[in-house]
Amino acid sequence: MDWIDEYTDRFGALPAVWFADASGKIDTEILSGYERTGTVVANWDCSPVPSGGDGDDEVATPTRTATARRS
């Protein structure tokens, strides 16, 4: 997530909306961690193919994590 440093240099800290899920609910735990440390931790499903009907097609299963720290 190399873009975070450039984003914060241009626009300041990431707004809360960056920490929202698909329904718009803010993950306050992750947002709070970002506000305290400047570190963003993100998880996403790396699979290009839907999982096939086990009910999680709309919610990504965290399979890869990236951490970025704002400068």
N, C-alpha and C. Protein backbone atom coordinates (compact mmCIF):
# COMPACT_ATOMS: atom_id res chain seq x y z
N MET A 1 0.84 -1.17 0.00
CA MET A 1 0.00 0.00 0.00
C MET A 1 0.89 1.24 0.00
N ASP A 2 1.68 1.31 -1.03
CA ASP A 2 2.67 2.38 -1.16
C ASP A 2 2.05 3.76 -1.32
N TRP A 3 0.81 3.83 -1.69
CA TRP A 3 0.16 5.11 -1.97
C TRP A 3 -0.18 5.91 -0.72
N ILE A 4 -0.19 5.29 0.44
CA ILE A 4 -0.65 5.98 1.66
C ILE A 4 0.24 7.17 2.00
N ASP A 5 1.55 7.01 1.91
CA ASP A 5 2.43 8.14 2.21
C ASP A 5 2.16 9.33 1.29
N GLU A 6 2.00 9.05 0.00
CA GLU A 6 1.72 10.14 -0.94
C GLU A 6 0.37 10.77 -0.65
N TYR A 7 -0.63 9.95 -0.36
CA TYR A 7 -1.96 10.47 -0.04
C TYR A 7 -1.89 11.40 1.17
N THR A 8 -1.25 10.95 2.25
CA THR A 8 -1.21 11.77 3.46
C THR A 8 -0.38 13.03 3.26
N ASP A 9 0.65 12.96 2.43
CA ASP A 9 1.42 14.17 2.12
C ASP A 9 0.55 15.20 1.41
N ARG A 10 -0.31 14.73 0.53
CA ARG A 10 -1.16 15.65 -0.26
C ARG A 10 -2.40 16.11 0.48
N PHE A 11 -3.06 15.17 1.19
CA PHE A 11 -4.39 15.45 1.71
C PHE A 11 -4.52 15.34 3.23
N GLY A 12 -3.50 14.85 3.90
CA GLY A 12 -3.59 14.64 5.34
C GLY A 12 -3.99 13.21 5.66
N ALA A 13 -4.35 13.00 6.91
CA ALA A 13 -4.70 11.65 7.38
C ALA A 13 -5.89 11.09 6.61
N LEU A 14 -5.92 9.77 6.50
CA LEU A 14 -7.05 9.11 5.85
C LEU A 14 -8.32 9.37 6.64
N PRO A 15 -9.42 9.73 5.97
CA PRO A 15 -10.69 9.93 6.67
C PRO A 15 -11.30 8.58 7.07
N ALA A 16 -12.23 8.64 7.99
CA ALA A 16 -12.86 7.43 8.52
C ALA A 16 -13.48 6.55 7.44
N VAL A 17 -13.96 7.15 6.36
CA VAL A 17 -14.61 6.36 5.31
C VAL A 17 -13.67 5.30 4.74
N TRP A 18 -12.37 5.50 4.80
CA TRP A 18 -11.41 4.51 4.31
C TRP A 18 -11.43 3.24 5.16
N PHE A 19 -12.05 3.31 6.32
CA PHE A 19 -12.09 2.18 7.23
C PHE A 19 -13.50 1.60 7.34
N ALA A 20 -14.31 1.83 6.31
CA ALA A 20 -15.69 1.34 6.29
C ALA A 20 -15.79 0.03 5.52
N ASP A 21 -16.75 -0.80 5.93
CA ASP A 21 -17.01 -2.03 5.18
C ASP A 21 -18.01 -1.72 4.06
N ALA A 22 -18.43 -2.74 3.35
CA ALA A 22 -19.32 -2.56 2.20
C ALA A 22 -20.66 -1.93 2.58
N SER A 23 -21.08 -2.11 3.83
CA SER A 23 -22.35 -1.53 4.26
C SER A 23 -22.18 -0.11 4.80
N GLY A 24 -20.93 0.37 4.88
CA GLY A 24 -20.67 1.71 5.37
C GLY A 24 -20.31 1.79 6.84
N LYS A 25 -20.31 0.65 7.53
CA LYS A 25 -19.97 0.64 8.95
C LYS A 25 -18.46 0.83 9.12
N ILE A 26 -18.09 1.81 9.95
CA ILE A 26 -16.68 2.10 10.21
C ILE A 26 -16.13 1.08 11.20
N ASP A 27 -14.98 0.51 10.88
CA ASP A 27 -14.29 -0.39 11.80
C ASP A 27 -13.51 0.50 12.77
N THR A 28 -14.13 0.82 13.89
CA THR A 28 -13.55 1.79 14.82
C THR A 28 -12.26 1.29 15.45
N GLU A 29 -12.09 -0.01 15.59
CA GLU A 29 -10.85 -0.54 16.16
C GLU A 29 -9.66 -0.27 15.23
N ILE A 30 -9.84 -0.55 13.94
CA ILE A 30 -8.76 -0.31 12.98
C ILE A 30 -8.53 1.19 12.81
N LEU A 31 -9.60 1.98 12.75
CA LEU A 31 -9.47 3.43 12.63
C LEU A 31 -8.72 3.99 13.83
N SER A 32 -9.07 3.55 15.01
CA SER A 32 -8.39 4.02 16.22
C SER A 32 -6.91 3.67 16.20
N GLY A 33 -6.60 2.46 15.75
CA GLY A 33 -5.19 2.05 15.63
C GLY A 33 -4.45 2.94 14.65
N TYR A 34 -5.08 3.27 13.54
CA TYR A 34 -4.47 4.16 12.55
C TYR A 34 -4.22 5.55 13.16
N GLU A 35 -5.22 6.05 13.87
CA GLU A 35 -5.09 7.38 14.46
C GLU A 35 -3.97 7.43 15.51
N ARG A 36 -3.79 6.33 16.24
CA ARG A 36 -2.73 6.28 17.27
C ARG A 36 -1.35 6.07 16.68
N THR A 37 -1.24 5.23 15.65
CA THR A 37 0.08 4.79 15.18
C THR A 37 0.43 5.24 13.78
N GLY A 38 -0.56 5.62 12.99
CA GLY A 38 -0.30 5.96 11.59
C GLY A 38 -0.14 4.73 10.71
N THR A 39 -0.41 3.56 11.26
CA THR A 39 -0.26 2.31 10.52
C THR A 39 -1.62 1.82 10.02
N VAL A 40 -1.67 1.45 8.75
CA VAL A 40 -2.88 0.89 8.16
C VAL A 40 -2.64 -0.59 7.93
N VAL A 41 -3.56 -1.41 8.40
CA VAL A 41 -3.51 -2.85 8.14
C VAL A 41 -4.76 -3.18 7.34
N ALA A 42 -4.57 -3.81 6.17
CA ALA A 42 -5.70 -4.14 5.30
C ALA A 42 -5.66 -5.62 4.96
N ASN A 43 -6.84 -6.21 4.87
CA ASN A 43 -6.99 -7.61 4.47
C ASN A 43 -7.90 -7.67 3.26
N TRP A 44 -7.61 -8.59 2.38
CA TRP A 44 -8.49 -8.77 1.23
C TRP A 44 -8.39 -10.19 0.70
N ASP A 45 -9.41 -10.56 -0.05
CA ASP A 45 -9.48 -11.87 -0.68
C ASP A 45 -8.71 -11.79 -1.99
N CYS A 46 -7.69 -12.59 -2.14
CA CYS A 46 -6.84 -12.55 -3.33
C CYS A 46 -7.37 -13.40 -4.48
N SER A 47 -8.45 -14.11 -4.25
CA SER A 47 -8.97 -15.02 -5.26
C SER A 47 -9.72 -14.25 -6.35
N PRO A 48 -9.43 -14.53 -7.62
CA PRO A 48 -10.16 -13.87 -8.70
C PRO A 48 -11.50 -14.52 -8.99
N VAL A 49 -11.79 -15.63 -8.33
CA VAL A 49 -13.00 -16.39 -8.61
C VAL A 49 -13.86 -16.42 -7.35
N PRO A 50 -15.20 -16.18 -7.49
CA PRO A 50 -16.08 -16.29 -6.33
C PRO A 50 -15.94 -17.66 -5.68
N SER A 51 -16.19 -17.71 -4.40
CA SER A 51 -15.95 -18.94 -3.65
C SER A 51 -16.91 -20.07 -3.97
N GLY A 52 -18.05 -19.77 -4.58
CA GLY A 52 -18.91 -20.85 -5.03
C GLY A 52 -20.08 -21.20 -4.13
N GLY A 53 -20.74 -20.19 -3.58
CA GLY A 53 -21.99 -20.47 -2.91
C GLY A 53 -21.92 -20.83 -1.45
N ASP A 54 -20.80 -20.61 -0.80
CA ASP A 54 -20.77 -20.94 0.62
C ASP A 54 -21.15 -19.75 1.49
N GLY A 55 -21.75 -18.72 0.86
CA GLY A 55 -22.30 -17.60 1.60
C GLY A 55 -21.36 -16.45 1.86
N ASP A 56 -20.11 -16.55 1.42
CA ASP A 56 -19.18 -15.46 1.70
C ASP A 56 -18.74 -14.71 0.45
N ASP A 57 -19.49 -14.83 -0.63
CA ASP A 57 -19.11 -14.16 -1.87
C ASP A 57 -19.09 -12.64 -1.73
N GLU A 58 -19.89 -12.10 -0.82
CA GLU A 58 -19.96 -10.65 -0.66
C GLU A 58 -19.04 -10.14 0.44
N VAL A 59 -18.42 -11.03 1.19
CA VAL A 59 -17.51 -10.64 2.25
C VAL A 59 -16.18 -11.32 2.00
N ALA A 60 -15.16 -10.52 1.83
CA ALA A 60 -13.83 -11.07 1.54
C ALA A 60 -13.28 -11.83 2.73
N THR A 61 -12.68 -12.96 2.45
CA THR A 61 -11.96 -13.71 3.46
C THR A 61 -10.53 -13.20 3.49
N PRO A 62 -10.07 -12.70 4.64
CA PRO A 62 -8.72 -12.16 4.68
C PRO A 62 -7.68 -13.24 4.37
N THR A 63 -7.03 -13.11 3.24
CA THR A 63 -6.01 -14.07 2.87
C THR A 63 -4.66 -13.41 2.65
N ARG A 64 -4.65 -12.11 2.57
CA ARG A 64 -3.39 -11.38 2.42
C ARG A 64 -3.50 -10.11 3.26
N THR A 65 -2.44 -9.74 3.91
CA THR A 65 -2.43 -8.55 4.74
C THR A 65 -1.29 -7.64 4.30
N ALA A 66 -1.58 -6.36 4.26
CA ALA A 66 -0.54 -5.38 3.95
C ALA A 66 -0.56 -4.33 5.05
N THR A 67 0.59 -3.86 5.42
CA THR A 67 0.71 -2.83 6.43
C THR A 67 1.46 -1.66 5.84
N ALA A 68 0.96 -0.48 6.08
CA ALA A 68 1.64 0.72 5.62
C ALA A 68 1.65 1.72 6.76
N ARG A 69 2.68 2.49 6.85
CA ARG A 69 2.80 3.50 7.89
C ARG A 69 2.94 4.85 7.24
N ARG A 70 2.10 5.79 7.69
CA ARG A 70 2.21 7.14 7.13
C ARG A 70 3.47 7.80 7.67
N SER A 71 4.01 8.68 6.89
CA SER A 71 5.24 9.35 7.32
C SER A 71 4.94 10.60 8.11
